[in-house]
Amino acid sequence: MQGKRTTTTKNFSKQFKRLSPKLQRIFAVRLQLFLDSPFDDRLRTHKLSGKYDGRGSFNVTGDIRAIFDDEADEHVLILVAIGTHSELYG
C-alpha cells in the first residue's frame, strides 16, 4: 500500500475529531503501520460483510477500529469510519 494517498469521508472526520488526542496519535502510528504493512498481525486486518460489505477494518487499539475502502481506486485509501467495536457494528 505504500504510495497510496489517503482521504476521509465526512463521517470519519467527525468521528476522528471526537477521539482523545492520545487516540488520535495512536491512530496516526497505526495508519502508517497499515500503509507500510497492511496485514501486520498487530492490526488484525480483515474484510467486512453486512453494513460495511466490501470494506476492510484494522485495529487501532483493542477496542477502536478503523474502517477503510481501498477497492474503488488502487491509488487511494478511503478512511470510512472510526470508533469502538460497539459504535461501529452495534
C-alpha atoms as a PDB file:
ATOM      1  CA  MET A   1       0.000   0.000   0.000  1.00  0.00           C
ATOM      2  CA  GLN A   2       2.995   2.252   0.005  1.00  0.00           C
ATOM      3  CA  GLY A   3       2.440   5.276  -2.148  1.00  0.00           C
ATOM      4  CA  LYS A   4      -1.312   5.281  -1.592  1.00  0.00           C
ATOM      5  CA  ARG A   5      -2.916   8.619  -0.914  1.00  0.00           C
ATOM      6  CA  THR A   6      -5.405   8.692   1.956  1.00  0.00           C
ATOM      7  CA  THR A   7      -8.661  10.573   2.126  1.00  0.00           C
ATOM      8  CA  THR A   8     -11.536  10.558   4.593  1.00  0.00           C
ATOM      9  CA  THR A   9     -15.295  10.632   4.494  1.00  0.00           C
ATOM     10  CA  LYS A  10     -17.164  13.360   6.384  1.00  0.00           C
ATOM     11  CA  ASN A  11     -18.330  10.678   8.799  1.00  0.00           C
ATOM     12  CA  PHE A  12     -14.750   9.569   9.539  1.00  0.00           C
ATOM     13  CA  SER A  13     -13.628  13.163  10.085  1.00  0.00           C
ATOM     14  CA  LYS A  14     -16.434  13.795  12.588  1.00  0.00           C
ATOM     15  CA  GLN A  15     -15.719  10.581  14.470  1.00  0.00           C
ATOM     16  CA  PHE A  16     -11.961  11.223  14.479  1.00  0.00           C
ATOM     17  CA  LYS A  17     -12.405  14.692  15.999  1.00  0.00           C
ATOM     18  CA  ARG A  18     -14.290  13.108  18.907  1.00  0.00           C
ATOM     19  CA  LEU A  19     -11.335  10.860  19.780  1.00  0.00           C
ATOM     20  CA  SER A  20      -8.964  11.957  22.509  1.00  0.00           C
ATOM     21  CA  PRO A  21      -5.638  13.466  21.390  1.00  0.00           C
ATOM     22  CA  LYS A  22      -3.926  10.299  22.647  1.00  0.00           C
ATOM     23  CA  LEU A  23      -6.127   8.069  20.463  1.00  0.00           C
ATOM     24  CA  GLN A  24      -5.569  10.393  17.507  1.00  0.00           C
ATOM     25  CA  ARG A  25      -1.796   9.951  17.923  1.00  0.00           C
ATOM     26  CA  ILE A  26      -2.157   6.175  18.239  1.00  0.00           C
ATOM     27  CA  PHE A  27      -4.261   6.159  15.078  1.00  0.00           C
ATOM     28  CA  ALA A  28      -1.548   8.056  13.169  1.00  0.00           C
ATOM     29  CA  VAL A  29       1.012   5.419  14.143  1.00  0.00           C
ATOM     30  CA  ARG A  30      -1.336   2.547  13.249  1.00  0.00           C
ATOM     31  CA  LEU A  31      -2.260   4.126   9.929  1.00  0.00           C
ATOM     32  CA  GLN A  32       1.419   4.348   8.996  1.00  0.00           C
ATOM     33  CA  LEU A  33       1.883   0.704  10.020  1.00  0.00           C
ATOM     34  CA  PHE A  34      -1.121  -0.203   7.865  1.00  0.00           C
ATOM     35  CA  LEU A  35       0.257   1.695   4.871  1.00  0.00           C
ATOM     36  CA  ASP A  36       3.666   0.022   5.288  1.00  0.00           C
ATOM     37  CA  SER A  37       2.393  -3.483   6.079  1.00  0.00           C
ATOM     38  CA  PRO A  38      -1.406  -3.871   5.750  1.00  0.00           C
ATOM     39  CA  PHE A  39      -1.506  -7.385   7.151  1.00  0.00           C
ATOM     40  CA  ASP A  40       0.787  -6.904  10.144  1.00  0.00           C
ATOM     41  CA  ASP A  41      -0.540  -9.181  12.909  1.00  0.00           C
ATOM     42  CA  ARG A  42      -0.964  -6.243  15.314  1.00  0.00           C
ATOM     43  CA  LEU A  43      -3.591  -4.702  13.027  1.00  0.00           C
ATOM     44  CA  ARG A  44      -5.818  -7.776  12.674  1.00  0.00           C
ATOM     45  CA  THR A  45      -6.838  -6.501   9.224  1.00  0.00           C
ATOM     46  CA  HIS A  46      -9.877  -8.214   7.755  1.00  0.00           C
ATOM     47  CA  LYS A  47     -12.651  -7.754   5.207  1.00  0.00           C
ATOM     48  CA  LEU A  48     -16.143  -6.918   6.413  1.00  0.00           C
ATOM     49  CA  SER A  49     -19.633  -8.028   5.486  1.00  0.00           C
ATOM     50  CA  GLY A  50     -23.104  -6.713   6.272  1.00  0.00           C
ATOM     51  CA  LYS A  51     -23.344  -2.947   6.726  1.00  0.00           C
ATOM     52  CA  TYR A  52     -19.732  -2.476   5.589  1.00  0.00           C
ATOM     53  CA  ASP A  53     -19.657  -5.194   2.926  1.00  0.00           C
ATOM     54  CA  GLY A  54     -16.627  -4.937   0.666  1.00  0.00           C
ATOM     55  CA  ARG A  55     -14.703  -2.720   3.059  1.00  0.00           C
ATOM     56  CA  GLY A  56     -11.956  -3.627   5.492  1.00  0.00           C
ATOM     57  CA  SER A  57     -11.106  -2.952   9.112  1.00  0.00           C
ATOM     58  CA  PHE A  58      -7.945  -2.721  11.176  1.00  0.00           C
ATOM     59  CA  ASN A  59      -7.395  -2.383  14.918  1.00  0.00           C
ATOM     60  CA  VAL A  60      -6.212   0.945  16.272  1.00  0.00           C
ATOM     61  CA  THR A  61      -6.388  -0.278  19.884  1.00  0.00           C
ATOM     62  CA  GLY A  62      -8.036  -3.284  21.489  1.00  0.00           C
ATOM     63  CA  ASP A  63     -11.499  -1.756  21.024  1.00  0.00           C
ATOM     64  CA  ILE A  64     -11.033   1.054  18.476  1.00  0.00           C
ATOM     65  CA  ARG A  65     -11.375   0.040  14.827  1.00  0.00           C
ATOM     66  CA  ALA A  66     -10.810   1.940  11.591  1.00  0.00           C
ATOM     67  CA  ILE A  67     -12.905   1.027   8.563  1.00  0.00           C
ATOM     68  CA  PHE A  68     -11.469   1.633   5.114  1.00  0.00           C
ATOM     69  CA  ASP A  69     -12.230   1.192   1.445  1.00  0.00           C
ATOM     70  CA  ASP A  70      -9.292   0.502  -0.837  1.00  0.00           C
ATOM     71  CA  GLU A  71     -11.071  -1.106  -3.762  1.00  0.00           C
ATOM     72  CA  ALA A  72     -12.586   1.912  -5.560  1.00  0.00           C
ATOM     73  CA  ASP A  73      -9.213   3.319  -6.636  1.00  0.00           C
ATOM     74  CA  GLU A  74      -5.896   1.483  -6.452  1.00  0.00           C
ATOM     75  CA  HIS A  75      -4.078   4.732  -5.593  1.00  0.00           C
ATOM     76  CA  VAL A  76      -6.424   5.973  -2.841  1.00  0.00           C
ATOM     77  CA  LEU A  77      -7.253   4.606   0.608  1.00  0.00           C
ATOM     78  CA  ILE A  78     -10.580   5.979   1.839  1.00  0.00           C
ATOM     79  CA  LEU A  79     -10.993   6.073   5.622  1.00  0.00           C
ATOM     80  CA  VAL A  80     -14.709   5.491   6.148  1.00  0.00           C
ATOM     81  CA  ALA A  81     -15.317   5.271   9.913  1.00  0.00           C
ATOM     82  CA  ILE A  82     -13.516   5.021  13.249  1.00  0.00           C
ATOM     83  CA  GLY A  83     -14.832   4.093  16.676  1.00  0.00           C
ATOM     84  CA  THR A  84     -15.334   1.334  19.177  1.00  0.00           C
ATOM     85  CA  HIS A  85     -16.495  -2.071  18.041  1.00  0.00           C
ATOM     86  CA  SER A  86     -19.975  -1.478  19.509  1.00  0.00           C
ATOM     87  CA  GLU A  87     -20.270   2.014  17.947  1.00  0.00           C
ATOM     88  CA  LEU A  88     -19.427   0.734  14.500  1.00  0.00           C
ATOM     89  CA  TYR A  89     -21.096  -2.663  14.450  1.00  0.00           C
ATOM     90  CA  GLY A  90     -23.725  -2.429  17.180  1.00  0.00           C
END
